[in-house]
Amino acid sequence: MKIKEAKLSNREHIVKVTNRVMKATLALQLMMAEIDDVEDADLTPVEQLKQQQKLIDDVMNYITDTLKLNEKEQEKLDDLEFSETVEIANNVILRVQGLSDEDIAKLTKEAEEAEQADDKSEAKQA
């Protein structure tokens, strides 16, 4: 499949959804879900920092390995905000799992609309 990430380059990245890529995708999703679960746990500040550092490393490694980024693209990835990096990782994950760009755009739009509705509801309650 072809995946284009404009924040990294103008080229289309050819991704073959091998077992290795699918395992890496699922491992990253599992790690992200585990971090969400652990956020409520009592971690020391050092443990929290180590966890955040591992998350950043794992997300960046996933993008680099899956899209086979060259050195210039890796430098661009290093200079992105973390929220942009997670957005790219989520997009790659969804594409690897079979969603099209159109499907992802539709999901993103629905999520943004739901978030706006939640913001309006919270504003009325305040």
N, C-alpha and C. Protein backbone atom coordinates (compact mmCIF):
# COMPACT_ATOMS: atom_id res chain seq x y z
N MET A 1 0.85 -1.17 0.00
CA MET A 1 0.00 0.00 0.00
C MET A 1 0.89 1.23 0.00
N LYS A 2 0.35 2.34 -0.43
CA LYS A 2 1.09 3.60 -0.45
C LYS A 2 0.56 4.50 0.66
N ILE A 3 1.50 5.06 1.42
CA ILE A 3 1.14 5.99 2.49
C ILE A 3 1.95 7.25 2.29
N LYS A 4 1.26 8.38 2.21
CA LYS A 4 1.95 9.65 2.05
C LYS A 4 1.75 10.47 3.32
N GLU A 5 2.85 10.92 3.89
CA GLU A 5 2.82 11.78 5.08
C GLU A 5 3.49 13.09 4.72
N ALA A 6 2.68 14.09 4.40
CA ALA A 6 3.19 15.37 3.91
C ALA A 6 4.09 16.08 4.91
N LYS A 7 3.91 15.82 6.19
CA LYS A 7 4.75 16.48 7.19
C LYS A 7 6.18 15.95 7.18
N LEU A 8 6.38 14.81 6.53
CA LEU A 8 7.70 14.21 6.49
C LEU A 8 8.37 14.35 5.12
N SER A 9 7.58 14.21 4.06
CA SER A 9 8.14 14.31 2.71
C SER A 9 7.01 14.32 1.68
N ASN A 10 7.40 14.53 0.44
CA ASN A 10 6.42 14.52 -0.65
C ASN A 10 6.27 13.14 -1.28
N ARG A 11 7.14 12.22 -0.92
CA ARG A 11 7.09 10.90 -1.54
C ARG A 11 6.04 10.00 -0.89
N GLU A 12 5.60 9.04 -1.68
CA GLU A 12 4.70 8.02 -1.14
C GLU A 12 5.56 6.88 -0.61
N HIS A 13 5.26 6.44 0.58
CA HIS A 13 5.99 5.35 1.20
C HIS A 13 5.26 4.05 0.89
N ILE A 14 5.98 3.10 0.36
CA ILE A 14 5.40 1.80 0.05
C ILE A 14 5.51 0.93 1.29
N VAL A 15 4.37 0.50 1.81
CA VAL A 15 4.33 -0.33 3.01
C VAL A 15 3.67 -1.65 2.66
N LYS A 16 4.43 -2.70 2.83
CA LYS A 16 3.89 -4.04 2.65
C LYS A 16 3.46 -4.53 4.03
N VAL A 17 2.20 -4.89 4.17
CA VAL A 17 1.66 -5.28 5.47
C VAL A 17 2.03 -6.74 5.75
N THR A 18 3.27 -6.88 6.19
CA THR A 18 3.78 -8.20 6.55
C THR A 18 3.37 -8.53 7.98
N ASN A 19 3.63 -9.75 8.37
CA ASN A 19 3.39 -10.13 9.77
C ASN A 19 4.22 -9.26 10.70
N ARG A 20 5.44 -8.93 10.30
CA ARG A 20 6.32 -8.09 11.12
C ARG A 20 5.70 -6.70 11.32
N VAL A 21 5.17 -6.13 10.25
CA VAL A 21 4.55 -4.80 10.35
C VAL A 21 3.28 -4.87 11.20
N MET A 22 2.49 -5.90 11.00
CA MET A 22 1.26 -6.03 11.79
C MET A 22 1.58 -6.25 13.27
N LYS A 23 2.60 -7.05 13.58
CA LYS A 23 2.98 -7.26 14.98
C LYS A 23 3.48 -5.96 15.60
N ALA A 24 4.26 -5.19 14.85
CA ALA A 24 4.74 -3.91 15.37
C ALA A 24 3.59 -2.94 15.60
N THR A 25 2.61 -2.97 14.71
CA THR A 25 1.43 -2.11 14.85
C THR A 25 0.66 -2.46 16.11
N LEU A 26 0.40 -3.73 16.30
CA LEU A 26 -0.34 -4.17 17.48
C LEU A 26 0.45 -3.92 18.76
N ALA A 27 1.77 -4.11 18.72
CA ALA A 27 2.60 -3.86 19.89
C ALA A 27 2.54 -2.39 20.29
N LEU A 28 2.59 -1.49 19.32
CA LEU A 28 2.51 -0.06 19.62
C LEU A 28 1.14 0.30 20.20
N GLN A 29 0.09 -0.24 19.61
CA GLN A 29 -1.25 0.04 20.14
C GLN A 29 -1.39 -0.48 21.57
N LEU A 30 -0.88 -1.67 21.82
CA LEU A 30 -0.95 -2.25 23.16
C LEU A 30 -0.18 -1.39 24.16
N MET A 31 1.00 -0.95 23.77
CA MET A 31 1.81 -0.12 24.66
C MET A 31 1.10 1.20 24.96
N MET A 32 0.48 1.80 23.94
CA MET A 32 -0.24 3.06 24.15
C MET A 32 -1.44 2.85 25.07
N ALA A 33 -2.14 1.74 24.90
CA ALA A 33 -3.29 1.44 25.76
C ALA A 33 -2.84 1.20 27.20
N GLU A 34 -1.72 0.50 27.37
CA GLU A 34 -1.20 0.25 28.71
C GLU A 34 -0.79 1.55 29.39
N ILE A 35 -0.21 2.47 28.64
CA ILE A 35 0.17 3.75 29.22
C ILE A 35 -1.06 4.52 29.67
N ASP A 36 -2.13 4.47 28.89
CA ASP A 36 -3.37 5.12 29.29
C ASP A 36 -3.89 4.53 30.60
N ASP A 37 -3.79 3.21 30.75
CA ASP A 37 -4.23 2.54 31.98
C ASP A 37 -3.37 2.92 33.16
N VAL A 38 -2.07 3.07 32.94
CA VAL A 38 -1.12 3.32 34.02
C VAL A 38 -1.13 4.79 34.45
N GLU A 39 -1.62 5.69 33.60
CA GLU A 39 -1.61 7.11 33.94
C GLU A 39 -2.29 7.39 35.28
N ASP A 40 -3.26 6.59 35.61
CA ASP A 40 -3.98 6.78 36.87
C ASP A 40 -3.25 6.15 38.05
N ALA A 41 -2.29 5.29 37.76
CA ALA A 41 -1.56 4.59 38.83
C ALA A 41 -0.57 5.55 39.50
N ASP A 42 -0.14 5.14 40.67
CA ASP A 42 0.82 5.93 41.43
C ASP A 42 2.23 5.59 40.94
N LEU A 43 2.76 6.42 40.05
CA LEU A 43 4.13 6.24 39.57
C LEU A 43 4.99 7.35 40.15
N THR A 44 6.22 7.01 40.40
CA THR A 44 7.14 8.04 40.84
C THR A 44 7.44 8.96 39.67
N PRO A 45 7.90 10.17 39.93
CA PRO A 45 8.26 11.06 38.82
C PRO A 45 9.28 10.45 37.87
N VAL A 46 10.24 9.71 38.40
CA VAL A 46 11.25 9.06 37.55
C VAL A 46 10.59 8.01 36.65
N GLU A 47 9.68 7.22 37.21
CA GLU A 47 8.98 6.21 36.41
C GLU A 47 8.13 6.86 35.32
N GLN A 48 7.49 7.97 35.64
CA GLN A 48 6.69 8.69 34.65
C GLN A 48 7.56 9.20 33.50
N LEU A 49 8.71 9.76 33.84
CA LEU A 49 9.61 10.26 32.81
C LEU A 49 10.14 9.14 31.92
N LYS A 50 10.48 8.02 32.52
CA LYS A 50 10.96 6.87 31.75
C LYS A 50 9.86 6.35 30.81
N GLN A 51 8.64 6.33 31.32
CA GLN A 51 7.51 5.87 30.52
C GLN A 51 7.27 6.80 29.33
N GLN A 52 7.34 8.10 29.57
CA GLN A 52 7.14 9.08 28.49
C GLN A 52 8.26 8.98 27.46
N GLN A 53 9.49 8.79 27.93
CA GLN A 53 10.62 8.66 27.03
C GLN A 53 10.47 7.41 26.15
N LYS A 54 10.05 6.32 26.75
CA LYS A 54 9.84 5.08 26.00
C LYS A 54 8.74 5.24 24.96
N LEU A 55 7.68 5.94 25.33
CA LEU A 55 6.59 6.18 24.39
C LEU A 55 7.08 6.95 23.18
N ILE A 56 7.82 8.01 23.41
CA ILE A 56 8.34 8.82 22.30
C ILE A 56 9.24 7.96 21.41
N ASP A 57 10.14 7.22 22.02
CA ASP A 57 11.06 6.37 21.25
C ASP A 57 10.30 5.32 20.44
N ASP A 58 9.33 4.67 21.07
CA ASP A 58 8.59 3.61 20.39
C ASP A 58 7.75 4.15 19.23
N VAL A 59 7.11 5.29 19.42
CA VAL A 59 6.30 5.87 18.36
C VAL A 59 7.19 6.28 17.18
N MET A 60 8.30 6.94 17.49
CA MET A 60 9.20 7.37 16.41
C MET A 60 9.82 6.17 15.69
N ASN A 61 10.21 5.14 16.43
CA ASN A 61 10.77 3.93 15.80
C ASN A 61 9.74 3.24 14.92
N TYR A 62 8.50 3.19 15.38
CA TYR A 62 7.43 2.57 14.58
C TYR A 62 7.27 3.30 13.25
N ILE A 63 7.19 4.61 13.29
CA ILE A 63 7.03 5.39 12.06
C ILE A 63 8.24 5.19 11.16
N THR A 64 9.44 5.31 11.73
CA THR A 64 10.67 5.18 10.95
C THR A 64 10.77 3.81 10.28
N ASP A 65 10.51 2.75 11.04
CA ASP A 65 10.63 1.39 10.51
C ASP A 65 9.53 1.06 9.51
N THR A 66 8.30 1.45 9.82
CA THR A 66 7.18 1.09 8.95
C THR A 66 7.23 1.83 7.62
N LEU A 67 7.54 3.12 7.68
CA LEU A 67 7.60 3.91 6.45
C LEU A 67 8.98 3.88 5.80
N LYS A 68 9.94 3.25 6.47
CA LYS A 68 11.32 3.18 5.97
C LYS A 68 11.83 4.58 5.64
N LEU A 69 11.81 5.44 6.66
CA LEU A 69 12.21 6.83 6.48
C LEU A 69 13.70 6.93 6.19
N ASN A 70 14.04 7.86 5.30
CA ASN A 70 15.45 8.14 5.06
C ASN A 70 15.93 9.13 6.13
N GLU A 71 17.21 9.48 6.08
CA GLU A 71 17.80 10.33 7.12
C GLU A 71 17.13 11.71 7.18
N LYS A 72 16.86 12.29 6.03
CA LYS A 72 16.22 13.62 5.99
C LYS A 72 14.82 13.56 6.61
N GLU A 73 14.07 12.53 6.29
CA GLU A 73 12.73 12.37 6.85
C GLU A 73 12.78 12.12 8.36
N GLN A 74 13.78 11.38 8.80
CA GLN A 74 13.94 11.13 10.23
C GLN A 74 14.24 12.44 10.97
N GLU A 75 15.02 13.30 10.37
CA GLU A 75 15.30 14.61 10.97
C GLU A 75 14.03 15.44 11.08
N LYS A 76 13.19 15.39 10.03
CA LYS A 76 11.92 16.12 10.10
C LYS A 76 11.04 15.56 11.21
N LEU A 77 11.03 14.24 11.34
CA LEU A 77 10.26 13.60 12.40
C LEU A 77 10.75 14.04 13.77
N ASP A 78 12.06 14.12 13.92
CA ASP A 78 12.65 14.58 15.19
C ASP A 78 12.19 15.99 15.55
N ASP A 79 11.95 16.83 14.55
CA ASP A 79 11.61 18.23 14.79
C ASP A 79 10.11 18.51 14.89
N LEU A 80 9.29 17.48 14.74
CA LEU A 80 7.84 17.66 14.87
C LEU A 80 7.44 17.75 16.34
N GLU A 81 6.30 18.36 16.58
CA GLU A 81 5.71 18.32 17.92
C GLU A 81 5.22 16.90 18.16
N PHE A 82 5.21 16.49 19.43
CA PHE A 82 4.82 15.10 19.72
C PHE A 82 3.39 14.82 19.27
N SER A 83 2.50 15.79 19.39
CA SER A 83 1.12 15.56 18.96
C SER A 83 1.05 15.26 17.45
N GLU A 84 1.90 15.92 16.67
CA GLU A 84 1.96 15.64 15.23
C GLU A 84 2.52 14.25 14.97
N THR A 85 3.49 13.85 15.77
CA THR A 85 4.09 12.52 15.63
C THR A 85 3.05 11.44 15.93
N VAL A 86 2.29 11.63 16.98
CA VAL A 86 1.24 10.67 17.32
C VAL A 86 0.18 10.63 16.22
N GLU A 87 -0.14 11.78 15.66
CA GLU A 87 -1.11 11.84 14.56
C GLU A 87 -0.62 11.01 13.37
N ILE A 88 0.65 11.14 13.04
CA ILE A 88 1.22 10.35 11.94
C ILE A 88 1.17 8.86 12.28
N ALA A 89 1.57 8.51 13.50
CA ALA A 89 1.55 7.10 13.92
C ALA A 89 0.13 6.53 13.84
N ASN A 90 -0.84 7.28 14.32
CA ASN A 90 -2.23 6.82 14.27
C ASN A 90 -2.69 6.62 12.83
N ASN A 91 -2.30 7.54 11.96
CA ASN A 91 -2.66 7.42 10.55
C ASN A 91 -2.04 6.16 9.94
N VAL A 92 -0.77 5.92 10.22
CA VAL A 92 -0.10 4.72 9.70
C VAL A 92 -0.77 3.47 10.25
N ILE A 93 -1.07 3.46 11.55
CA ILE A 93 -1.74 2.32 12.16
C ILE A 93 -3.06 2.02 11.45
N LEU A 94 -3.86 3.04 11.24
CA LEU A 94 -5.16 2.85 10.59
C LEU A 94 -5.00 2.35 9.16
N ARG A 95 -4.02 2.87 8.44
CA ARG A 95 -3.78 2.42 7.07
C ARG A 95 -3.32 0.96 7.06
N VAL A 96 -2.43 0.59 7.96
CA VAL A 96 -1.95 -0.79 8.04
C VAL A 96 -3.11 -1.73 8.35
N GLN A 97 -4.06 -1.25 9.14
CA GLN A 97 -5.21 -2.08 9.50
C GLN A 97 -6.31 -2.07 8.44
N GLY A 98 -6.02 -1.43 7.30
CA GLY A 98 -6.91 -1.56 6.16
C GLY A 98 -7.82 -0.39 5.86
N LEU A 99 -7.77 0.68 6.63
CA LEU A 99 -8.62 1.82 6.34
C LEU A 99 -8.01 2.66 5.22
N SER A 100 -8.86 3.25 4.42
CA SER A 100 -8.41 4.12 3.34
C SER A 100 -8.23 5.54 3.87
N ASP A 101 -7.59 6.39 3.07
CA ASP A 101 -7.45 7.80 3.45
C ASP A 101 -8.82 8.44 3.67
N GLU A 102 -9.78 8.06 2.85
CA GLU A 102 -11.14 8.61 2.97
C GLU A 102 -11.79 8.17 4.27
N ASP A 103 -11.61 6.89 4.63
CA ASP A 103 -12.15 6.39 5.90
C ASP A 103 -11.55 7.15 7.08
N ILE A 104 -10.24 7.38 7.02
CA ILE A 104 -9.55 8.08 8.10
C ILE A 104 -10.03 9.52 8.20
N ALA A 105 -10.20 10.17 7.04
CA ALA A 105 -10.69 11.56 7.03
C ALA A 105 -12.09 11.63 7.65
N LYS A 106 -12.93 10.66 7.33
CA LYS A 106 -14.29 10.63 7.89
C LYS A 106 -14.24 10.43 9.40
N LEU A 107 -13.41 9.50 9.87
CA LEU A 107 -13.28 9.26 11.31
C LEU A 107 -12.75 10.49 12.03
N THR A 108 -11.78 11.15 11.43
CA THR A 108 -11.19 12.35 12.02
C THR A 108 -12.23 13.46 12.14
N LYS A 109 -13.02 13.63 11.09
CA LYS A 109 -14.06 14.66 11.11
C LYS A 109 -15.09 14.36 12.19
N GLU A 110 -15.50 13.11 12.29
CA GLU A 110 -16.48 12.72 13.32
C GLU A 110 -15.92 12.94 14.72
N ALA A 111 -14.66 12.61 14.91
CA ALA A 111 -14.03 12.80 16.23
C ALA A 111 -13.95 14.28 16.59
N GLU A 112 -13.60 15.12 15.61
CA GLU A 112 -13.52 16.56 15.86
C GLU A 112 -14.89 17.13 16.20
N GLU A 113 -15.93 16.68 15.50
CA GLU A 113 -17.28 17.15 15.78
C GLU A 113 -17.72 16.72 17.18
N ALA A 114 -17.40 15.50 17.57
CA ALA A 114 -17.76 15.01 18.91
C ALA A 114 -17.01 15.81 19.98
N GLU A 115 -15.75 16.14 19.71
CA GLU A 115 -14.97 16.91 20.67
C GLU A 115 -15.54 18.33 20.82
N GLN A 116 -15.95 18.92 19.71
CA GLN A 116 -16.55 20.25 19.77
C GLN A 116 -17.86 20.22 20.55
N ALA A 117 -18.65 19.17 20.36
CA ALA A 117 -19.91 19.03 21.09
C ALA A 117 -19.63 18.89 22.59
N ASP A 118 -18.60 18.12 22.95
CA ASP A 118 -18.24 17.96 24.35
C ASP A 118 -17.78 19.30 24.95
N ASP A 119 -17.01 20.06 24.19
CA ASP A 119 -16.53 21.36 24.66
C ASP A 119 -17.72 22.32 24.92
N LYS A 120 -18.71 22.29 24.03
CA LYS A 120 -19.87 23.14 24.20
C LYS A 120 -20.67 22.71 25.43
N SER A 121 -20.79 21.42 25.63
CA SER A 121 -21.52 20.90 26.78
C SER A 121 -20.84 21.29 28.08
N GLU A 122 -19.50 21.19 28.11
CA GLU A 122 -18.75 21.56 29.31
C GLU A 122 -18.86 23.07 29.58
N ALA A 123 -18.89 23.87 28.52
CA ALA A 123 -18.98 25.32 28.68
C ALA A 123 -20.34 25.70 29.27
N LYS A 124 -21.40 24.99 28.87
CA LYS A 124 -22.73 25.29 29.40
C LYS A 124 -22.83 24.91 30.88
N GLN A 125 -22.12 23.84 31.28
CA GLN A 125 -22.17 23.39 32.66
C GLN A 125 -21.39 24.31 33.59
N ALA A 126 -20.42 25.01 33.05
CA ALA A 126 -19.56 25.87 33.89
C ALA A 126 -20.21 27.16 34.27
